[in-house]
Amino acid sequence: MRFNMKENLKITIIQSSLVWENPEANRQLFSKKIAAISEETKLIILPEMFTTGFTMNASELAEEEKGETLKWLQNEAKNNNCAITGSVIISENNNYYNRLFFVFPEENYKTYDKRHTFTLVGEDKTFKAGNEQVIIEYLGWKIYPLICYDLRFPVWARNTQNYDILLYVANWPERRIAAWDALLKARAIENMTYCIGVNRIGEDGNGHKYSGHSAVYNVLGEQISILNFEEEFTETITLQEKHIETNRKHLQFLNDRDDFKLE
């Protein structure tokens, strides 16, 4: 197991309503919210499909990877000297992807394509599923980003790579919010990791309601974010490296994890 010296990490979660299928309006919305962050942060986390809401109208709304939203993310990351992440509808090689971008302050970036497309609403019929796990190294931290429905599949999230942060961006509906709360906490406990979930609020163009419940849990499954679950909010939270090191050394549960490889 790896324990290295790194600084604590300040992250900012933004829980917001979204303007249905209007990328420019949503970019402007989040620019204002980012500008209003009152303290230094190193990572800003936006919801799933933050430019459109969770829509299957990919043929009208998809961007090329190096489109307007990536340019916007790069500009925000550079101007605020921090990384920024969230997912967007992308068109590539005649396929559509629900693609998460993790953009560094230097404007370079990494991507993750949602592995588990949400069959209940036909996401699998519109979007091609990804098949690659992506571990992002940032300021000495190992971050594993996932998207919404991925939360229901613990094998895909299993901490076999000694990551420090498990990060979910989502449009998780109000009617199943109890599952969101329970699974975020469970993923933190079973993987001995910080687990971050950033969801939206409001109502989308299909009449689906979202109640947020964005939260950050520590490796013991304790919620360390404090702001109201079901309103718009922006919160900056410090992740403590010593918390991970101390608890993993003392409890050593990850030493007993099952040995397996994903095919």
C-alpha atoms as a PDB file:
ATOM      1  CA  MET A   1       0.000   0.000   0.000  1.00  0.00           C
ATOM      2  CA  ARG A   2       1.278   3.430  -0.919  1.00  0.00           C
ATOM      3  CA  PHE A   3       1.678   6.367   1.448  1.00  0.00           C
ATOM      4  CA  ASN A   4       3.392   9.405   0.019  1.00  0.00           C
ATOM      5  CA  MET A   5       3.773  12.982   1.142  1.00  0.00           C
ATOM      6  CA  LYS A   6       1.299  15.367  -0.446  1.00  0.00           C
ATOM      7  CA  GLU A   7      -0.565  18.463   0.603  1.00  0.00           C
ATOM      8  CA  ASN A   8      -4.180  18.533   1.687  1.00  0.00           C
ATOM      9  CA  LEU A   9      -6.517  19.159  -1.227  1.00  0.00           C
ATOM     10  CA  LYS A  10      -9.218  21.830  -1.314  1.00  0.00           C
ATOM     11  CA  ILE A  11     -12.116  20.851  -3.553  1.00  0.00           C
ATOM     12  CA  THR A  12     -15.297  22.770  -4.413  1.00  0.00           C
ATOM     13  CA  ILE A  13     -18.610  21.108  -5.231  1.00  0.00           C
ATOM     14  CA  ILE A  14     -21.275  23.075  -7.103  1.00  0.00           C
ATOM     15  CA  GLN A  15     -24.868  21.839  -6.798  1.00  0.00           C
ATOM     16  CA  SER A  16     -27.092  23.694  -9.241  1.00  0.00           C
ATOM     17  CA  SER A  17     -30.180  23.556 -11.374  1.00  0.00           C
ATOM     18  CA  LEU A  18     -29.514  23.344 -15.125  1.00  0.00           C
ATOM     19  CA  VAL A  19     -31.021  25.109 -18.110  1.00  0.00           C
ATOM     20  CA  TRP A  20     -32.562  22.395 -20.269  1.00  0.00           C
ATOM     21  CA  GLU A  21     -30.642  21.725 -23.495  1.00  0.00           C
ATOM     22  CA  ASN A  22     -28.963  25.136 -23.513  1.00  0.00           C
ATOM     23  CA  PRO A  23     -25.150  24.821 -23.387  1.00  0.00           C
ATOM     24  CA  GLU A  24     -24.369  28.537 -23.631  1.00  0.00           C
ATOM     25  CA  ALA A  25     -26.781  29.446 -20.824  1.00  0.00           C
ATOM     26  CA  ASN A  26     -25.293  26.752 -18.601  1.00  0.00           C
ATOM     27  CA  ARG A  27     -21.725  27.827 -19.300  1.00  0.00           C
ATOM     28  CA  GLN A  28     -22.681  31.361 -18.322  1.00  0.00           C
ATOM     29  CA  LEU A  29     -24.466  30.061 -15.223  1.00  0.00           C
ATOM     30  CA  PHE A  30     -21.430  28.156 -14.025  1.00  0.00           C
ATOM     31  CA  SER A  31     -19.044  30.986 -14.891  1.00  0.00           C
ATOM     32  CA  LYS A  32     -20.950  33.151 -12.410  1.00  0.00           C
ATOM     33  CA  LYS A  33     -20.941  30.451  -9.765  1.00  0.00           C
ATOM     34  CA  ILE A  34     -17.227  29.833 -10.199  1.00  0.00           C
ATOM     35  CA  ALA A  35     -16.470  33.558 -10.031  1.00  0.00           C
ATOM     36  CA  ALA A  36     -18.355  33.712  -6.729  1.00  0.00           C
ATOM     37  CA  ILE A  37     -16.154  31.097  -5.015  1.00  0.00           C
ATOM     38  CA  SER A  38     -14.703  33.050  -2.116  1.00  0.00           C
ATOM     39  CA  GLU A  39     -11.711  30.927  -1.140  1.00  0.00           C
ATOM     40  CA  GLU A  40      -8.841  29.244  -2.888  1.00  0.00           C
ATOM     41  CA  THR A  41      -9.636  25.850  -4.340  1.00  0.00           C
ATOM     42  CA  LYS A  42      -7.698  23.299  -6.360  1.00  0.00           C
ATOM     43  CA  LEU A  43     -10.561  21.344  -7.938  1.00  0.00           C
ATOM     44  CA  ILE A  44     -14.071  22.424  -8.993  1.00  0.00           C
ATOM     45  CA  ILE A  45     -16.642  19.684  -9.602  1.00  0.00           C
ATOM     46  CA  LEU A  46     -19.734  20.188 -11.791  1.00  0.00           C
ATOM     47  CA  PRO A  47     -22.639  17.745 -12.375  1.00  0.00           C
ATOM     48  CA  GLU A  48     -23.130  15.203 -15.151  1.00  0.00           C
ATOM     49  CA  MET A  49     -24.104  16.727 -18.536  1.00  0.00           C
ATOM     50  CA  PHE A  50     -23.769  20.147 -16.952  1.00  0.00           C
ATOM     51  CA  THR A  51     -24.313  21.987 -20.245  1.00  0.00           C
ATOM     52  CA  THR A  52     -27.609  20.305 -21.196  1.00  0.00           C
ATOM     53  CA  GLY A  53     -29.191  18.263 -18.432  1.00  0.00           C
ATOM     54  CA  PHE A  54     -29.618  14.501 -18.842  1.00  0.00           C
ATOM     55  CA  THR A  55     -31.024  14.423 -22.366  1.00  0.00           C
ATOM     56  CA  MET A  56     -30.988  11.794 -25.075  1.00  0.00           C
ATOM     57  CA  ASN A  57     -31.099  14.512 -27.749  1.00  0.00           C
ATOM     58  CA  ALA A  58     -27.465  13.880 -28.616  1.00  0.00           C
ATOM     59  CA  SER A  59     -27.855  14.439 -32.352  1.00  0.00           C
ATOM     60  CA  GLU A  60     -28.759  18.094 -31.722  1.00  0.00           C
ATOM     61  CA  LEU A  61     -26.562  18.842 -28.711  1.00  0.00           C
ATOM     62  CA  ALA A  62     -23.344  16.837 -29.071  1.00  0.00           C
ATOM     63  CA  GLU A  63     -20.065  18.716 -29.447  1.00  0.00           C
ATOM     64  CA  GLU A  64     -16.754  17.643 -30.894  1.00  0.00           C
ATOM     65  CA  GLU A  65     -14.257  16.932 -28.131  1.00  0.00           C
ATOM     66  CA  LYS A  66     -12.365  20.156 -28.779  1.00  0.00           C
ATOM     67  CA  GLY A  67     -15.571  22.167 -28.911  1.00  0.00           C
ATOM     68  CA  GLU A  68     -16.889  25.208 -27.083  1.00  0.00           C
ATOM     69  CA  THR A  69     -17.320  23.505 -23.722  1.00  0.00           C
ATOM     70  CA  LEU A  70     -13.767  22.184 -23.590  1.00  0.00           C
ATOM     71  CA  LYS A  71     -12.502  25.674 -24.486  1.00  0.00           C
ATOM     72  CA  TRP A  72     -14.672  27.083 -21.690  1.00  0.00           C
ATOM     73  CA  LEU A  73     -13.360  24.505 -19.201  1.00  0.00           C
ATOM     74  CA  GLN A  74      -9.772  25.277 -20.170  1.00  0.00           C
ATOM     75  CA  ASN A  75     -10.374  29.004 -19.764  1.00  0.00           C
ATOM     76  CA  GLU A  76     -11.966  28.564 -16.332  1.00  0.00           C
ATOM     77  CA  ALA A  77      -9.199  26.232 -15.179  1.00  0.00           C
ATOM     78  CA  LYS A  78      -6.469  28.599 -16.326  1.00  0.00           C
ATOM     79  CA  ASN A  79      -8.082  31.766 -14.967  1.00  0.00           C
ATOM     80  CA  ASN A  80      -8.833  30.209 -11.582  1.00  0.00           C
ATOM     81  CA  ASN A  81      -5.584  28.249 -11.328  1.00  0.00           C
ATOM     82  CA  CYS A  82      -7.385  25.031 -10.477  1.00  0.00           C
ATOM     83  CA  ALA A  83      -8.642  21.861 -12.120  1.00  0.00           C
ATOM     84  CA  ILE A  84     -12.294  21.561 -13.150  1.00  0.00           C
ATOM     85  CA  THR A  85     -14.379  18.520 -14.034  1.00  0.00           C
ATOM     86  CA  GLY A  86     -17.857  17.555 -15.247  1.00  0.00           C
ATOM     87  CA  SER A  87     -19.410  15.553 -18.099  1.00  0.00           C
ATOM     88  CA  VAL A  88     -20.626  16.656 -21.535  1.00  0.00           C
ATOM     89  CA  ILE A  89     -22.261  15.076 -24.611  1.00  0.00           C
ATOM     90  CA  ILE A  90     -19.521  14.385 -27.170  1.00  0.00           C
ATOM     91  CA  SER A  91     -19.622  13.186 -30.782  1.00  0.00           C
ATOM     92  CA  GLU A  92     -16.684  11.116 -31.998  1.00  0.00           C
ATOM     93  CA  ASN A  93     -16.284   8.673 -34.889  1.00  0.00           C
ATOM     94  CA  ASN A  94     -20.049   8.540 -35.528  1.00  0.00           C
ATOM     95  CA  ASN A  95     -20.760   7.697 -31.876  1.00  0.00           C
ATOM     96  CA  TYR A  96     -22.032   9.740 -28.950  1.00  0.00           C
ATOM     97  CA  TYR A  97     -20.428   9.606 -25.506  1.00  0.00           C
ATOM     98  CA  ASN A  98     -21.305  10.858 -22.046  1.00  0.00           C
ATOM     99  CA  ARG A  99     -17.751  12.072 -21.497  1.00  0.00           C
ATOM    100  CA  LEU A 100     -16.209  13.476 -18.356  1.00  0.00           C
ATOM    101  CA  PHE A 101     -13.442  16.034 -18.785  1.00  0.00           C
ATOM    102  CA  PHE A 102     -10.841  16.640 -16.093  1.00  0.00           C
ATOM    103  CA  VAL A 103      -9.068  19.831 -17.116  1.00  0.00           C
ATOM    104  CA  PHE A 104      -5.859  20.867 -15.371  1.00  0.00           C
ATOM    105  CA  PRO A 105      -4.856  24.493 -14.669  1.00  0.00           C
ATOM    106  CA  GLU A 106      -2.321  24.249 -17.510  1.00  0.00           C
ATOM    107  CA  GLU A 107      -5.279  23.501 -19.876  1.00  0.00           C
ATOM    108  CA  ASN A 108      -4.257  19.908 -20.652  1.00  0.00           C
ATOM    109  CA  TYR A 109      -6.923  17.355 -19.835  1.00  0.00           C
ATOM    110  CA  LYS A 110      -7.981  13.744 -19.412  1.00  0.00           C
ATOM    111  CA  THR A 111     -11.317  12.113 -20.236  1.00  0.00           C
ATOM    112  CA  TYR A 112     -13.491   9.263 -19.001  1.00  0.00           C
ATOM    113  CA  ASP A 113     -16.457   7.833 -20.931  1.00  0.00           C
ATOM    114  CA  LYS A 114     -19.378   6.615 -18.807  1.00  0.00           C
ATOM    115  CA  ARG A 115     -19.129   2.853 -18.492  1.00  0.00           C
ATOM    116  CA  HIS A 116     -22.679   2.030 -17.376  1.00  0.00           C
ATOM    117  CA  THR A 117     -25.230   3.710 -19.626  1.00  0.00           C
ATOM    118  CA  PHE A 118     -28.653   4.044 -18.014  1.00  0.00           C
ATOM    119  CA  THR A 119     -30.790   1.437 -19.780  1.00  0.00           C
ATOM    120  CA  LEU A 120     -33.969   2.439 -17.903  1.00  0.00           C
ATOM    121  CA  VAL A 121     -34.273   5.542 -20.114  1.00  0.00           C
ATOM    122  CA  GLY A 122     -32.467   4.200 -23.185  1.00  0.00           C
ATOM    123  CA  GLU A 123     -29.108   5.879 -22.674  1.00  0.00           C
ATOM    124  CA  ASP A 124     -27.540   2.682 -24.015  1.00  0.00           C
ATOM    125  CA  LYS A 125     -29.399   3.176 -27.312  1.00  0.00           C
ATOM    126  CA  THR A 126     -28.018   6.704 -27.764  1.00  0.00           C
ATOM    127  CA  PHE A 127     -24.580   6.646 -26.182  1.00  0.00           C
ATOM    128  CA  LYS A 128     -21.705   4.249 -26.610  1.00  0.00           C
ATOM    129  CA  ALA A 129     -20.397   2.937 -23.296  1.00  0.00           C
ATOM    130  CA  GLY A 130     -16.777   3.426 -22.322  1.00  0.00           C
ATOM    131  CA  ASN A 131     -14.610   0.487 -21.303  1.00  0.00           C
ATOM    132  CA  GLU A 132     -11.572   2.114 -19.703  1.00  0.00           C
ATOM    133  CA  GLN A 133     -10.882   2.967 -16.076  1.00  0.00           C
ATOM    134  CA  VAL A 134      -9.069   6.290 -15.762  1.00  0.00           C
ATOM    135  CA  ILE A 135      -6.970   7.203 -12.725  1.00  0.00           C
ATOM    136  CA  ILE A 136      -5.979  10.862 -12.695  1.00  0.00           C
ATOM    137  CA  GLU A 137      -2.842  12.049 -10.896  1.00  0.00           C
ATOM    138  CA  TYR A 138      -3.247  15.572  -9.583  1.00  0.00           C
ATOM    139  CA  LEU A 139      -1.136  17.350  -6.958  1.00  0.00           C
ATOM    140  CA  GLY A 140       0.002  13.997  -5.618  1.00  0.00           C
ATOM    141  CA  TRP A 141      -3.556  12.645  -5.308  1.00  0.00           C
ATOM    142  CA  LYS A 142      -4.967   9.733  -7.308  1.00  0.00           C
ATOM    143  CA  ILE A 143      -8.527  10.486  -8.435  1.00  0.00           C
ATOM    144  CA  TYR A 144     -10.920   7.974  -9.977  1.00  0.00           C
ATOM    145  CA  PRO A 145     -13.790   9.753 -11.809  1.00  0.00           C
ATOM    146  CA  LEU A 146     -17.086   8.011 -12.577  1.00  0.00           C
ATOM    147  CA  ILE A 147     -20.524   9.091 -13.791  1.00  0.00           C
ATOM    148  CA  CYS A 148     -23.954   8.683 -12.181  1.00  0.00           C
ATOM    149  CA  TYR A 149     -25.255   5.145 -12.932  1.00  0.00           C
ATOM    150  CA  ASP A 150     -21.696   3.821 -12.429  1.00  0.00           C
ATOM    151  CA  LEU A 151     -22.427   4.261  -8.708  1.00  0.00           C
ATOM    152  CA  ARG A 152     -24.616   1.133  -8.705  1.00  0.00           C
ATOM    153  CA  PHE A 153     -21.733  -1.122  -9.800  1.00  0.00           C
ATOM    154  CA  PRO A 154     -19.194  -1.639  -6.999  1.00  0.00           C
ATOM    155  CA  VAL A 155     -16.878  -3.908  -8.985  1.00  0.00           C
ATOM    156  CA  TRP A 156     -16.134  -1.078 -11.445  1.00  0.00           C
ATOM    157  CA  ALA A 157     -15.290   1.180  -8.491  1.00  0.00           C
ATOM    158  CA  ARG A 158     -13.286  -1.340  -6.458  1.00  0.00           C
ATOM    159  CA  ASN A 159     -10.090   0.219  -5.146  1.00  0.00           C
ATOM    160  CA  THR A 160      -7.513  -2.098  -6.668  1.00  0.00           C
ATOM    161  CA  GLN A 161      -5.261   0.824  -7.654  1.00  0.00           C
ATOM    162  CA  ASN A 162      -4.902   2.553  -4.288  1.00  0.00           C
ATOM    163  CA  TYR A 163      -6.656   5.704  -5.417  1.00  0.00           C
ATOM    164  CA  ASP A 164      -7.412   8.453  -2.865  1.00  0.00           C
ATOM    165  CA  ILE A 165     -10.620   9.969  -4.220  1.00  0.00           C
ATOM    166  CA  LEU A 166     -13.650   8.358  -5.846  1.00  0.00           C
ATOM    167  CA  LEU A 167     -15.593  11.048  -7.682  1.00  0.00           C
ATOM    168  CA  TYR A 168     -19.118  10.823  -9.128  1.00  0.00           C
ATOM    169  CA  VAL A 169     -20.858  13.483 -11.216  1.00  0.00           C
ATOM    170  CA  ALA A 170     -24.569  12.876 -11.664  1.00  0.00           C
ATOM    171  CA  ASN A 171     -28.116  13.701 -12.675  1.00  0.00           C
ATOM    172  CA  TRP A 172     -29.596  11.346 -10.063  1.00  0.00           C
ATOM    173  CA  PRO A 173     -33.403  11.684  -9.752  1.00  0.00           C
ATOM    174  CA  GLU A 174     -35.232  12.563  -6.565  1.00  0.00           C
ATOM    175  CA  ARG A 175     -37.346   9.396  -6.554  1.00  0.00           C
ATOM    176  CA  ARG A 176     -34.248   7.238  -6.031  1.00  0.00           C
ATOM    177  CA  ILE A 177     -32.210   9.623  -3.903  1.00  0.00           C
ATOM    178  CA  ALA A 178     -32.104   7.207  -0.942  1.00  0.00           C
ATOM    179  CA  ALA A 179     -29.998   4.869  -3.088  1.00  0.00           C
ATOM    180  CA  TRP A 180     -27.636   7.742  -3.982  1.00  0.00           C
ATOM    181  CA  ASP A 181     -27.088   8.559  -0.296  1.00  0.00           C
ATOM    182  CA  ALA A 182     -26.542   4.941   0.715  1.00  0.00           C
ATOM    183  CA  LEU A 183     -24.251   3.997  -2.168  1.00  0.00           C
ATOM    184  CA  LEU A 184     -21.970   7.039  -1.912  1.00  0.00           C
ATOM    185  CA  LYS A 185     -21.405   6.219   1.746  1.00  0.00           C
ATOM    186  CA  ALA A 186     -20.873   2.535   0.974  1.00  0.00           C
ATOM    187  CA  ARG A 187     -18.341   3.258  -1.785  1.00  0.00           C
ATOM    188  CA  ALA A 188     -16.326   5.387   0.671  1.00  0.00           C
ATOM    189  CA  ILE A 189     -16.332   2.702   3.366  1.00  0.00           C
ATOM    190  CA  GLU A 190     -15.574  -0.350   1.214  1.00  0.00           C
ATOM    191  CA  ASN A 191     -12.798   1.395  -0.721  1.00  0.00           C
ATOM    192  CA  MET A 192     -11.343   3.358   2.223  1.00  0.00           C
ATOM    193  CA  THR A 193     -11.371   6.497   0.115  1.00  0.00           C
ATOM    194  CA  TYR A 194     -12.817   9.948   0.045  1.00  0.00           C
ATOM    195  CA  CYS A 195     -16.026   9.674  -1.985  1.00  0.00           C
ATOM    196  CA  ILE A 196     -17.471  12.772  -3.636  1.00  0.00           C
ATOM    197  CA  GLY A 197     -20.882  12.918  -5.307  1.00  0.00           C
ATOM    198  CA  VAL A 198     -22.063  16.028  -7.166  1.00  0.00           C
ATOM    199  CA  ASN A 199     -25.680  15.981  -8.319  1.00  0.00           C
ATOM    200  CA  ARG A 200     -28.029  18.601  -9.768  1.00  0.00           C
ATOM    201  CA  ILE A 201     -31.310  19.972  -8.450  1.00  0.00           C
ATOM    202  CA  GLY A 202     -34.476  21.253 -10.136  1.00  0.00           C
ATOM    203  CA  GLU A 203     -36.629  19.775 -12.882  1.00  0.00           C
ATOM    204  CA  ASP A 204     -35.532  18.801 -16.385  1.00  0.00           C
ATOM    205  CA  GLY A 205     -37.358  19.076 -19.695  1.00  0.00           C
ATOM    206  CA  ASN A 206     -38.826  15.606 -19.271  1.00  0.00           C
ATOM    207  CA  GLY A 207     -40.411  16.481 -15.940  1.00  0.00           C
ATOM    208  CA  HIS A 208     -37.909  14.526 -13.843  1.00  0.00           C
ATOM    209  CA  LYS A 209     -37.123  16.136 -10.485  1.00  0.00           C
ATOM    210  CA  TYR A 210     -33.702  16.239  -8.835  1.00  0.00           C
ATOM    211  CA  SER A 211     -33.055  16.925  -5.172  1.00  0.00           C
ATOM    212  CA  GLY A 212     -29.268  17.161  -5.094  1.00  0.00           C
ATOM    213  CA  HIS A 213     -27.825  15.539  -1.980  1.00  0.00           C
ATOM    214  CA  SER A 214     -24.325  16.333  -3.222  1.00  0.00           C
ATOM    215  CA  ALA A 215     -21.914  15.275  -0.505  1.00  0.00           C
ATOM    216  CA  VAL A 216     -18.378  14.349   0.470  1.00  0.00           C
ATOM    217  CA  TYR A 217     -17.651  11.307   2.655  1.00  0.00           C
ATOM    218  CA  ASN A 218     -14.381  10.366   4.318  1.00  0.00           C
ATOM    219  CA  VAL A 219     -12.837   6.887   4.398  1.00  0.00           C
ATOM    220  CA  LEU A 220     -14.959   5.922   7.411  1.00  0.00           C
ATOM    221  CA  GLY A 221     -18.188   6.872   5.635  1.00  0.00           C
ATOM    222  CA  GLU A 222     -18.666  10.062   7.634  1.00  0.00           C
ATOM    223  CA  GLN A 223     -20.151  12.993   5.725  1.00  0.00           C
ATOM    224  CA  ILE A 224     -17.793  15.967   5.924  1.00  0.00           C
ATOM    225  CA  SER A 225     -19.720  18.358   3.679  1.00  0.00           C
ATOM    226  CA  ILE A 226     -22.161  20.470   5.677  1.00  0.00           C
ATOM    227  CA  LEU A 227     -24.392  22.541   3.398  1.00  0.00           C
ATOM    228  CA  ASN A 228     -28.073  21.925   2.680  1.00  0.00           C
ATOM    229  CA  PHE A 229     -28.662  18.797   0.645  1.00  0.00           C
ATOM    230  CA  GLU A 230     -31.592  20.043  -1.462  1.00  0.00           C
ATOM    231  CA  GLU A 231     -30.819  23.671  -2.369  1.00  0.00           C
ATOM    232  CA  GLU A 232     -28.352  25.284  -4.738  1.00  0.00           C
ATOM    233  CA  PHE A 233     -25.000  25.623  -3.021  1.00  0.00           C
ATOM    234  CA  THR A 234     -21.284  25.907  -3.531  1.00  0.00           C
ATOM    235  CA  GLU A 235     -19.055  24.438  -0.846  1.00  0.00           C
ATOM    236  CA  THR A 236     -15.282  24.197  -0.509  1.00  0.00           C
ATOM    237  CA  ILE A 237     -13.976  21.288   1.564  1.00  0.00           C
ATOM    238  CA  THR A 238     -10.448  20.308   2.542  1.00  0.00           C
ATOM    239  CA  LEU A 239      -9.491  16.668   2.043  1.00  0.00           C
ATOM    240  CA  GLN A 240      -6.869  15.600   4.583  1.00  0.00           C
ATOM    241  CA  GLU A 241      -4.077  13.337   3.388  1.00  0.00           C
ATOM    242  CA  LYS A 242      -3.334  12.326   6.995  1.00  0.00           C
ATOM    243  CA  HIS A 243      -6.913  11.047   7.367  1.00  0.00           C
ATOM    244  CA  ILE A 244      -6.355   8.509   4.581  1.00  0.00           C
ATOM    245  CA  GLU A 245      -2.897   7.495   5.741  1.00  0.00           C
ATOM    246  CA  THR A 246      -3.815   7.103   9.409  1.00  0.00           C
ATOM    247  CA  ASN A 247      -6.955   5.050   8.826  1.00  0.00           C
ATOM    248  CA  ARG A 248      -5.493   2.799   6.136  1.00  0.00           C
ATOM    249  CA  LYS A 249      -2.443   2.048   8.268  1.00  0.00           C
ATOM    250  CA  HIS A 250      -4.547   1.374  11.367  1.00  0.00           C
ATOM    251  CA  LEU A 251      -7.401  -0.618   9.820  1.00  0.00           C
ATOM    252  CA  GLN A 252      -5.700  -2.182   6.758  1.00  0.00           C
ATOM    253  CA  PHE A 253      -8.987  -3.468   5.320  1.00  0.00           C
ATOM    254  CA  LEU A 254      -7.710  -2.993   1.772  1.00  0.00           C
ATOM    255  CA  ASN A 255      -5.039  -5.610   2.432  1.00  0.00           C
ATOM    256  CA  ASP A 256      -7.817  -8.219   2.547  1.00  0.00           C
ATOM    257  CA  ARG A 257      -9.592  -7.203  -0.662  1.00  0.00           C
ATOM    258  CA  ASP A 258     -10.296  -9.816  -3.303  1.00  0.00           C
ATOM    259  CA  ASP A 259      -7.781 -10.184  -6.099  1.00  0.00           C
ATOM    260  CA  PHE A 260      -9.425  -9.958  -9.521  1.00  0.00           C
ATOM    261  CA  LYS A 261      -9.076  -8.369 -12.939  1.00  0.00           C
ATOM    262  CA  LEU A 262     -11.832  -6.739 -14.962  1.00  0.00           C
ATOM    263  CA  GLU A 263     -12.244  -8.145 -18.459  1.00  0.00           C
END
